[in-house]
Amino acid sequence: MAFRAFFGLLFGGLLPVDLVQALDLVPKASIPKPPPPKPEVKIEDGALQLLAMLQRESRILDFLMEDLSPYSDEQIGAAARDVQSNARDILTRHFAPGPVIDAVEGSAVQAPAGGALLAKFIGNVPATGQPKGGILRHKGWKANSAVMPKLSGKLDFSILAPAEIEVE
């Protein structure tokens, strides 16, 4: 049996079928392969992904990290207009933000039902008990959806934007 196994492997790359059965072996093809490991995606990867999208489409990091002191207000305003417009497009596309309270700021409103996280009371707030309403100073924001591209564990999410090198 040893010689048959040796020469079967040497010249054919396989053990003869009768030897496999006699030795009570399992052919390799029938052993299920374990699934490939899932890529490890951490919660902070999503935050870095969003920051990278804001940089890619609105250059928000370039704007925020730039020293603005040498520029005039008009130059800063022109740059801010483009950054704001492109960043708003990304937020609208991926989160569909909407107001928590859809009313005119400065008008009297009732506190929304649904919990203390929906409204923050400011001003002359009593020490005990929750106020029923007041004057709306800010509508608040809520995400009506959260649709992000699938994350791949193969990417380095710490790279928010690659360096750009022009070849001349």
Protein backbone atom coordinates (compact mmCIF):
# COMPACT_ATOMS: atom_id res chain seq x y z
CA MET A 1 0.00 0.00 0.00
CA ALA A 2 2.84 2.36 0.80
CA PHE A 3 4.41 1.89 -2.64
CA ARG A 4 1.05 2.32 -4.40
CA ALA A 5 0.38 5.50 -2.41
CA PHE A 6 3.90 6.84 -3.11
CA PHE A 7 3.80 6.20 -6.86
CA GLY A 8 0.17 7.30 -7.15
CA LEU A 9 1.08 10.65 -5.63
CA LEU A 10 4.36 10.89 -7.55
CA PHE A 11 2.95 10.26 -11.01
CA GLY A 12 -0.72 11.15 -10.68
CA GLY A 13 -0.85 13.66 -7.85
CA LEU A 14 -3.62 11.61 -6.19
CA LEU A 15 -3.99 8.53 -4.07
CA PRO A 16 -5.71 5.64 -5.84
CA VAL A 17 -9.44 5.52 -5.01
CA ASP A 18 -9.27 2.06 -3.43
CA LEU A 19 -6.49 3.23 -1.08
CA VAL A 20 -8.52 6.26 -0.06
CA GLN A 21 -11.43 3.97 0.82
CA ALA A 22 -9.23 1.37 2.53
CA LEU A 23 -7.57 4.02 4.69
CA ASP A 24 -10.96 5.64 5.44
CA LEU A 25 -9.79 9.03 4.15
CA VAL A 26 -12.00 11.85 2.90
CA PRO A 27 -11.21 13.21 -0.57
CA LYS A 28 -10.07 16.85 -0.36
CA ALA A 29 -12.79 18.08 -2.73
CA SER A 30 -15.53 17.05 -0.30
CA ILE A 31 -14.12 19.00 2.68
CA PRO A 32 -15.99 22.29 2.81
CA LYS A 33 -13.74 25.32 2.74
CA PRO A 34 -14.24 27.77 5.59
CA PRO A 35 -15.77 31.06 4.47
CA PRO A 36 -13.30 33.90 3.99
CA PRO A 37 -13.05 36.14 7.04
CA LYS A 38 -15.30 39.17 6.97
CA PRO A 39 -13.40 42.43 6.68
CA GLU A 40 -13.21 44.24 9.99
CA VAL A 41 -15.11 47.52 9.70
CA LYS A 42 -15.14 49.71 12.78
CA ILE A 43 -17.73 52.36 13.67
CA GLU A 44 -15.18 55.14 13.18
CA ASP A 45 -14.68 54.00 9.58
CA GLY A 46 -18.11 55.45 8.73
CA ALA A 47 -17.16 58.82 10.21
CA LEU A 48 -13.90 58.84 8.27
CA GLN A 49 -15.80 57.81 5.14
CA LEU A 50 -18.15 60.78 5.51
CA LEU A 51 -15.23 63.16 6.10
CA ALA A 52 -13.48 61.78 3.01
CA MET A 53 -16.65 62.31 0.93
CA LEU A 54 -16.94 65.90 2.17
CA GLN A 55 -13.29 66.47 1.27
CA ARG A 56 -13.59 64.83 -2.14
CA GLU A 57 -16.68 66.74 -3.24
CA SER A 58 -16.45 70.03 -1.34
CA ARG A 59 -12.80 70.29 -0.26
CA ILE A 60 -13.99 70.98 3.28
CA LEU A 61 -10.70 69.98 4.93
CA ASP A 62 -8.75 72.24 2.58
CA PHE A 63 -11.06 75.10 3.55
CA LEU A 64 -11.08 74.43 7.30
CA MET A 65 -7.35 73.72 7.63
CA GLU A 66 -6.28 76.76 5.57
CA ASP A 67 -4.96 79.85 7.38
CA LEU A 68 -7.49 82.46 6.24
CA SER A 69 -5.75 85.51 7.71
CA PRO A 70 -4.02 86.58 4.44
CA TYR A 71 -7.30 86.54 2.47
CA SER A 72 -9.95 89.24 2.20
CA ASP A 73 -13.51 88.70 3.40
CA GLU A 74 -14.66 88.66 -0.23
CA GLN A 75 -12.20 85.86 -1.10
CA ILE A 76 -13.23 83.83 1.95
CA GLY A 77 -16.91 84.36 1.16
CA ALA A 78 -16.47 83.18 -2.44
CA ALA A 79 -14.63 80.04 -1.29
CA ALA A 80 -17.16 79.36 1.48
CA ARG A 81 -20.06 79.54 -0.99
CA ASP A 82 -18.66 76.63 -3.04
CA VAL A 83 -17.72 74.56 0.01
CA GLN A 84 -21.15 75.08 1.60
CA SER A 85 -23.05 74.26 -1.59
CA ASN A 86 -21.14 71.04 -2.26
CA ALA A 87 -21.23 69.93 1.39
CA ARG A 88 -25.00 70.56 1.51
CA ASP A 89 -25.44 68.35 -1.57
CA ILE A 90 -23.60 65.48 0.13
CA LEU A 91 -25.59 65.80 3.35
CA THR A 92 -28.88 65.99 1.45
CA ARG A 93 -28.02 62.98 -0.71
CA HIS A 94 -26.90 60.74 2.16
CA PHE A 95 -28.96 61.88 5.16
CA ALA A 96 -32.01 63.81 3.87
CA PRO A 97 -31.90 66.20 6.85
CA GLY A 98 -35.13 67.82 7.95
CA PRO A 99 -36.29 69.99 10.84
CA VAL A 100 -37.26 68.46 14.17
CA ILE A 101 -40.01 71.11 14.46
CA ASP A 102 -41.24 72.39 11.11
CA ALA A 103 -42.37 75.87 12.14
CA VAL A 104 -41.22 79.45 11.71
CA GLU A 105 -38.41 80.41 14.07
CA GLY A 106 -39.65 83.02 16.52
CA SER A 107 -43.16 81.55 16.71
CA ALA A 108 -44.78 79.89 19.73
CA VAL A 109 -44.59 76.08 19.61
CA GLN A 110 -45.40 73.08 21.75
CA ALA A 111 -42.61 70.68 22.72
CA PRO A 112 -42.60 67.70 20.35
CA ALA A 113 -43.83 64.40 21.72
CA GLY A 114 -41.25 61.66 21.71
CA GLY A 115 -38.67 62.43 24.33
CA ALA A 116 -36.28 64.95 25.76
CA LEU A 117 -33.76 64.45 22.95
CA LEU A 118 -36.06 66.18 20.45
CA ALA A 119 -35.97 69.61 22.09
CA LYS A 120 -33.58 71.51 24.32
CA PHE A 121 -35.16 74.19 26.45
CA ILE A 122 -33.15 77.39 26.88
CA GLY A 123 -33.76 80.62 28.76
CA ASN A 124 -35.81 80.77 31.96
CA VAL A 125 -36.30 77.01 32.37
CA PRO A 126 -37.92 75.93 35.67
CA ALA A 127 -35.78 73.79 37.98
CA THR A 128 -38.49 71.12 38.22
CA GLY A 129 -40.85 69.82 35.57
CA GLN A 130 -40.60 70.04 31.80
CA PRO A 131 -42.05 73.11 30.04
CA LYS A 132 -44.89 72.44 27.60
CA GLY A 133 -43.60 74.86 24.96
CA GLY A 134 -42.09 78.24 24.25
CA ILE A 135 -40.65 80.36 21.43
CA LEU A 136 -38.86 78.40 18.70
CA ARG A 137 -35.28 79.69 18.40
CA HIS A 138 -33.91 76.84 16.25
CA LYS A 139 -35.84 74.18 14.34
CA GLY A 140 -33.30 71.45 15.09
CA TRP A 141 -32.20 68.80 12.61
CA LYS A 142 -32.91 65.12 12.21
CA ALA A 143 -31.69 62.63 9.62
CA ASN A 144 -34.60 61.22 7.64
CA SER A 145 -32.34 58.56 6.14
CA ALA A 146 -28.75 57.39 6.30
CA VAL A 147 -27.57 55.93 3.01
CA MET A 148 -23.83 55.48 2.70
CA PRO A 149 -21.77 53.46 0.22
CA LYS A 150 -20.77 50.02 1.48
CA LEU A 151 -17.54 50.03 3.45
CA SER A 152 -14.75 47.73 2.37
CA GLY A 153 -12.29 46.48 4.96
CA LYS A 154 -9.51 46.67 2.35
CA LEU A 155 -9.33 50.47 2.43
CA ASP A 156 -7.34 52.65 4.79
CA PHE A 157 -10.04 55.01 5.99
CA SER A 158 -7.51 57.27 7.69
CA ILE A 159 -6.53 58.55 4.22
CA LEU A 160 -9.18 61.23 3.75
CA ALA A 161 -7.73 62.49 0.46
CA PRO A 162 -4.60 61.31 -1.29
CA ALA A 163 -1.83 63.76 -2.04
CA GLU A 164 -2.00 65.10 -5.59
CA ILE A 165 1.24 65.16 -7.57
CA GLU A 166 1.27 66.73 -11.00
CA VAL A 167 3.61 65.17 -13.52
CA GLU A 168 5.05 67.63 -16.01
